[in-house]
Amino acid sequence: MDHSQVKERHHKRDQLDRIPDACPDLTAARDLANEFSTIARERRGHDLTAWMTRALDHGPPPVQGASPPSFKRLGTPP
């Protein structure tokens, strides 16, 4: 990789690093996705209900409206 390619790669990384400041909803969605991935990878199903509650209460609007009907029937607080 030559110097110009390295410079371009760093420029792109800098642009990506600025996205969270410009779009808090995207940051929240990323954080929720990372947390869900950890729960799934570590097979911590017992943490899923609490994660779903956080996602619905504090996630970006499209996530907040994505509650499956069965979630409310599980006795999870709104």
N, C-alpha and C. Protein backbone atom coordinates (compact mmCIF):
# COMPACT_ATOMS: atom_id res chain seq x y z
N MET A 1 0.86 -1.17 0.00
CA MET A 1 0.00 0.00 0.00
C MET A 1 0.91 1.23 0.00
N ASP A 2 0.70 2.11 -0.97
CA ASP A 2 1.55 3.29 -1.04
C ASP A 2 1.01 4.42 -0.14
N HIS A 3 1.77 5.48 -0.04
CA HIS A 3 1.44 6.58 0.87
C HIS A 3 0.07 7.20 0.57
N SER A 4 -0.27 7.37 -0.70
CA SER A 4 -1.57 7.99 -1.04
C SER A 4 -2.73 7.08 -0.63
N GLN A 5 -2.56 5.78 -0.73
CA GLN A 5 -3.61 4.85 -0.31
C GLN A 5 -3.80 4.87 1.20
N VAL A 6 -2.69 4.95 1.92
CA VAL A 6 -2.75 5.03 3.38
C VAL A 6 -3.43 6.32 3.79
N LYS A 7 -3.07 7.42 3.13
CA LYS A 7 -3.67 8.72 3.44
C LYS A 7 -5.18 8.70 3.17
N GLU A 8 -5.59 8.10 2.05
CA GLU A 8 -7.01 8.00 1.71
C GLU A 8 -7.75 7.14 2.72
N ARG A 9 -7.13 6.06 3.14
CA ARG A 9 -7.75 5.18 4.13
C ARG A 9 -7.97 5.91 5.45
N HIS A 10 -6.98 6.69 5.88
CA HIS A 10 -7.12 7.47 7.12
C HIS A 10 -8.20 8.54 6.98
N HIS A 11 -8.29 9.15 5.80
CA HIS A 11 -9.32 10.16 5.56
C HIS A 11 -10.71 9.54 5.68
N LYS A 12 -10.90 8.38 5.08
CA LYS A 12 -12.19 7.69 5.17
C LYS A 12 -12.51 7.31 6.60
N ARG A 13 -11.51 6.84 7.35
CA ARG A 13 -11.72 6.47 8.75
C ARG A 13 -12.12 7.70 9.55
N ASP A 14 -11.48 8.84 9.30
CA ASP A 14 -11.83 10.09 10.00
C ASP A 14 -13.27 10.49 9.72
N GLN A 15 -13.70 10.33 8.46
CA GLN A 15 -15.09 10.65 8.11
C GLN A 15 -16.05 9.73 8.86
N LEU A 16 -15.76 8.46 8.90
CA LEU A 16 -16.63 7.51 9.62
C LEU A 16 -16.66 7.81 11.11
N ASP A 17 -15.54 8.23 11.67
CA ASP A 17 -15.48 8.53 13.10
C ASP A 17 -16.31 9.75 13.46
N ARG A 18 -16.60 10.62 12.50
CA ARG A 18 -17.40 11.82 12.77
C ARG A 18 -18.91 11.56 12.70
N ILE A 19 -19.32 10.45 12.17
CA ILE A 19 -20.74 10.14 12.01
C ILE A 19 -21.49 10.16 13.34
N PRO A 20 -20.97 9.53 14.40
CA PRO A 20 -21.73 9.53 15.66
C PRO A 20 -22.07 10.93 16.18
N ASP A 21 -21.18 11.89 15.99
CA ASP A 21 -21.47 13.25 16.43
C ASP A 21 -22.58 13.89 15.60
N ALA A 22 -22.66 13.51 14.35
CA ALA A 22 -23.64 14.10 13.44
C ALA A 22 -25.00 13.42 13.52
N CYS A 23 -25.04 12.19 14.00
CA CYS A 23 -26.30 11.44 13.98
C CYS A 23 -26.44 10.59 15.25
N PRO A 24 -26.98 11.17 16.32
CA PRO A 24 -27.13 10.41 17.57
C PRO A 24 -28.00 9.16 17.43
N ASP A 25 -29.01 9.19 16.55
CA ASP A 25 -29.85 8.00 16.36
C ASP A 25 -29.04 6.84 15.80
N LEU A 26 -28.13 7.15 14.88
CA LEU A 26 -27.29 6.10 14.31
C LEU A 26 -26.36 5.53 15.38
N THR A 27 -25.86 6.40 16.24
CA THR A 27 -25.00 5.96 17.34
C THR A 27 -25.78 5.05 18.29
N ALA A 28 -26.99 5.42 18.63
CA ALA A 28 -27.82 4.60 19.51
C ALA A 28 -28.10 3.24 18.87
N ALA A 29 -28.41 3.24 17.58
CA ALA A 29 -28.68 1.98 16.88
C ALA A 29 -27.43 1.10 16.86
N ARG A 30 -26.27 1.71 16.62
CA ARG A 30 -25.03 0.95 16.62
C ARG A 30 -24.76 0.33 17.99
N ASP A 31 -24.96 1.12 19.04
CA ASP A 31 -24.72 0.63 20.40
C ASP A 31 -25.66 -0.52 20.75
N LEU A 32 -26.93 -0.37 20.36
CA LEU A 32 -27.89 -1.45 20.62
C LEU A 32 -27.52 -2.72 19.84
N ALA A 33 -27.09 -2.55 18.59
CA ALA A 33 -26.70 -3.70 17.78
C ALA A 33 -25.49 -4.40 18.38
N ASN A 34 -24.51 -3.61 18.85
CA ASN A 34 -23.33 -4.20 19.47
C ASN A 34 -23.70 -4.96 20.75
N GLU A 35 -24.58 -4.37 21.54
CA GLU A 35 -25.00 -5.02 22.78
C GLU A 35 -25.76 -6.32 22.47
N PHE A 36 -26.66 -6.27 21.47
CA PHE A 36 -27.40 -7.47 21.08
C PHE A 36 -26.44 -8.56 20.61
N SER A 37 -25.46 -8.16 19.82
CA SER A 37 -24.48 -9.12 19.32
C SER A 37 -23.74 -9.80 20.47
N THR A 38 -23.38 -9.04 21.48
CA THR A 38 -22.70 -9.61 22.64
C THR A 38 -23.62 -10.58 23.39
N ILE A 39 -24.87 -10.19 23.57
CA ILE A 39 -25.84 -11.06 24.24
C ILE A 39 -25.98 -12.38 23.48
N ALA A 40 -26.10 -12.29 22.16
CA ALA A 40 -26.26 -13.50 21.35
C ALA A 40 -24.99 -14.35 21.35
N ARG A 41 -23.84 -13.71 21.17
CA ARG A 41 -22.57 -14.42 21.10
C ARG A 41 -22.26 -15.15 22.41
N GLU A 42 -22.58 -14.47 23.52
CA GLU A 42 -22.29 -15.05 24.83
C GLU A 42 -23.46 -15.90 25.36
N ARG A 43 -24.50 -16.04 24.53
CA ARG A 43 -25.67 -16.85 24.87
C ARG A 43 -26.27 -16.45 26.21
N ARG A 44 -26.48 -15.13 26.35
CA ARG A 44 -27.06 -14.58 27.57
C ARG A 44 -28.53 -14.23 27.32
N GLY A 45 -29.31 -15.23 26.99
CA GLY A 45 -30.72 -15.01 26.71
C GLY A 45 -31.46 -14.35 27.85
N HIS A 46 -30.99 -14.57 29.08
CA HIS A 46 -31.64 -13.96 30.23
C HIS A 46 -31.53 -12.43 30.22
N ASP A 47 -30.61 -11.87 29.42
CA ASP A 47 -30.45 -10.41 29.32
C ASP A 47 -31.28 -9.81 28.18
N LEU A 48 -31.91 -10.65 27.39
CA LEU A 48 -32.61 -10.16 26.20
C LEU A 48 -33.82 -9.29 26.53
N THR A 49 -34.58 -9.62 27.54
CA THR A 49 -35.76 -8.82 27.88
C THR A 49 -35.35 -7.42 28.31
N ALA A 50 -34.31 -7.31 29.12
CA ALA A 50 -33.83 -5.98 29.54
C ALA A 50 -33.30 -5.20 28.35
N TRP A 51 -32.61 -5.89 27.42
CA TRP A 51 -32.10 -5.22 26.23
C TRP A 51 -33.27 -4.70 25.38
N MET A 52 -34.30 -5.52 25.22
CA MET A 52 -35.46 -5.13 24.42
C MET A 52 -36.14 -3.91 25.04
N THR A 53 -36.25 -3.88 26.35
CA THR A 53 -36.86 -2.73 27.03
C THR A 53 -36.03 -1.47 26.77
N ARG A 54 -34.70 -1.58 26.88
CA ARG A 54 -33.84 -0.41 26.59
C ARG A 54 -33.99 0.03 25.14
N ALA A 55 -34.04 -0.94 24.23
CA ALA A 55 -34.17 -0.60 22.81
C ALA A 55 -35.48 0.14 22.54
N LEU A 56 -36.55 -0.33 23.15
CA LEU A 56 -37.86 0.30 22.92
C LEU A 56 -37.96 1.66 23.63
N ASP A 57 -37.33 1.79 24.78
CA ASP A 57 -37.42 3.05 25.54
C ASP A 57 -36.43 4.11 25.07
N HIS A 58 -35.25 3.68 24.65
CA HIS A 58 -34.18 4.65 24.38
C HIS A 58 -33.59 4.55 22.98
N GLY A 59 -34.05 3.61 22.19
CA GLY A 59 -33.53 3.46 20.84
C GLY A 59 -34.08 4.54 19.92
N PRO A 60 -33.52 4.62 18.71
CA PRO A 60 -34.05 5.58 17.74
C PRO A 60 -35.50 5.25 17.40
N PRO A 61 -36.27 6.23 16.94
CA PRO A 61 -37.70 6.03 16.67
C PRO A 61 -38.05 4.78 15.86
N PRO A 62 -37.31 4.43 14.79
CA PRO A 62 -37.69 3.20 14.08
C PRO A 62 -37.58 1.95 14.96
N VAL A 63 -36.66 1.93 15.89
CA VAL A 63 -36.52 0.78 16.80
C VAL A 63 -37.63 0.79 17.82
N GLN A 64 -37.98 1.96 18.32
CA GLN A 64 -39.02 2.07 19.34
C GLN A 64 -40.35 1.56 18.82
N GLY A 65 -40.60 1.69 17.54
CA GLY A 65 -41.87 1.25 16.97
C GLY A 65 -41.86 -0.18 16.48
N ALA A 66 -40.78 -0.91 16.74
CA ALA A 66 -40.64 -2.25 16.18
C ALA A 66 -40.96 -3.37 17.17
N SER A 67 -41.68 -3.07 18.21
CA SER A 67 -41.98 -4.08 19.21
C SER A 67 -42.90 -5.15 18.63
N PRO A 68 -42.47 -6.41 18.69
CA PRO A 68 -43.37 -7.46 18.23
C PRO A 68 -44.53 -7.61 19.21
N PRO A 69 -45.71 -7.96 18.73
CA PRO A 69 -46.87 -8.08 19.61
C PRO A 69 -46.63 -9.04 20.78
N SER A 70 -45.86 -10.07 20.57
CA SER A 70 -45.64 -11.05 21.63
C SER A 70 -44.80 -10.48 22.77
N PHE A 71 -44.03 -9.43 22.51
CA PHE A 71 -43.18 -8.86 23.56
C PHE A 71 -44.02 -8.34 24.72
N LYS A 72 -45.09 -7.68 24.44
CA LYS A 72 -45.97 -7.14 25.49
C LYS A 72 -46.60 -8.27 26.30
N ARG A 73 -46.85 -9.42 25.66
CA ARG A 73 -47.48 -10.54 26.36
C ARG A 73 -46.52 -11.25 27.30
N LEU A 74 -45.23 -10.97 27.20
CA LEU A 74 -44.26 -11.63 28.07
C LEU A 74 -44.24 -11.02 29.46
N GLY A 75 -45.05 -9.98 29.68
CA GLY A 75 -45.08 -9.36 30.97
C GLY A 75 -43.99 -8.34 31.18
N THR A 76 -43.36 -7.91 30.10
CA THR A 76 -42.29 -6.92 30.18
C THR A 76 -42.89 -5.55 30.40
N PRO A 77 -42.32 -4.78 31.31
CA PRO A 77 -42.87 -3.43 31.52
C PRO A 77 -42.74 -2.57 30.28
N PRO A 78 -43.72 -1.71 30.01
CA PRO A 78 -43.65 -0.87 28.81
C PRO A 78 -42.52 0.12 28.88
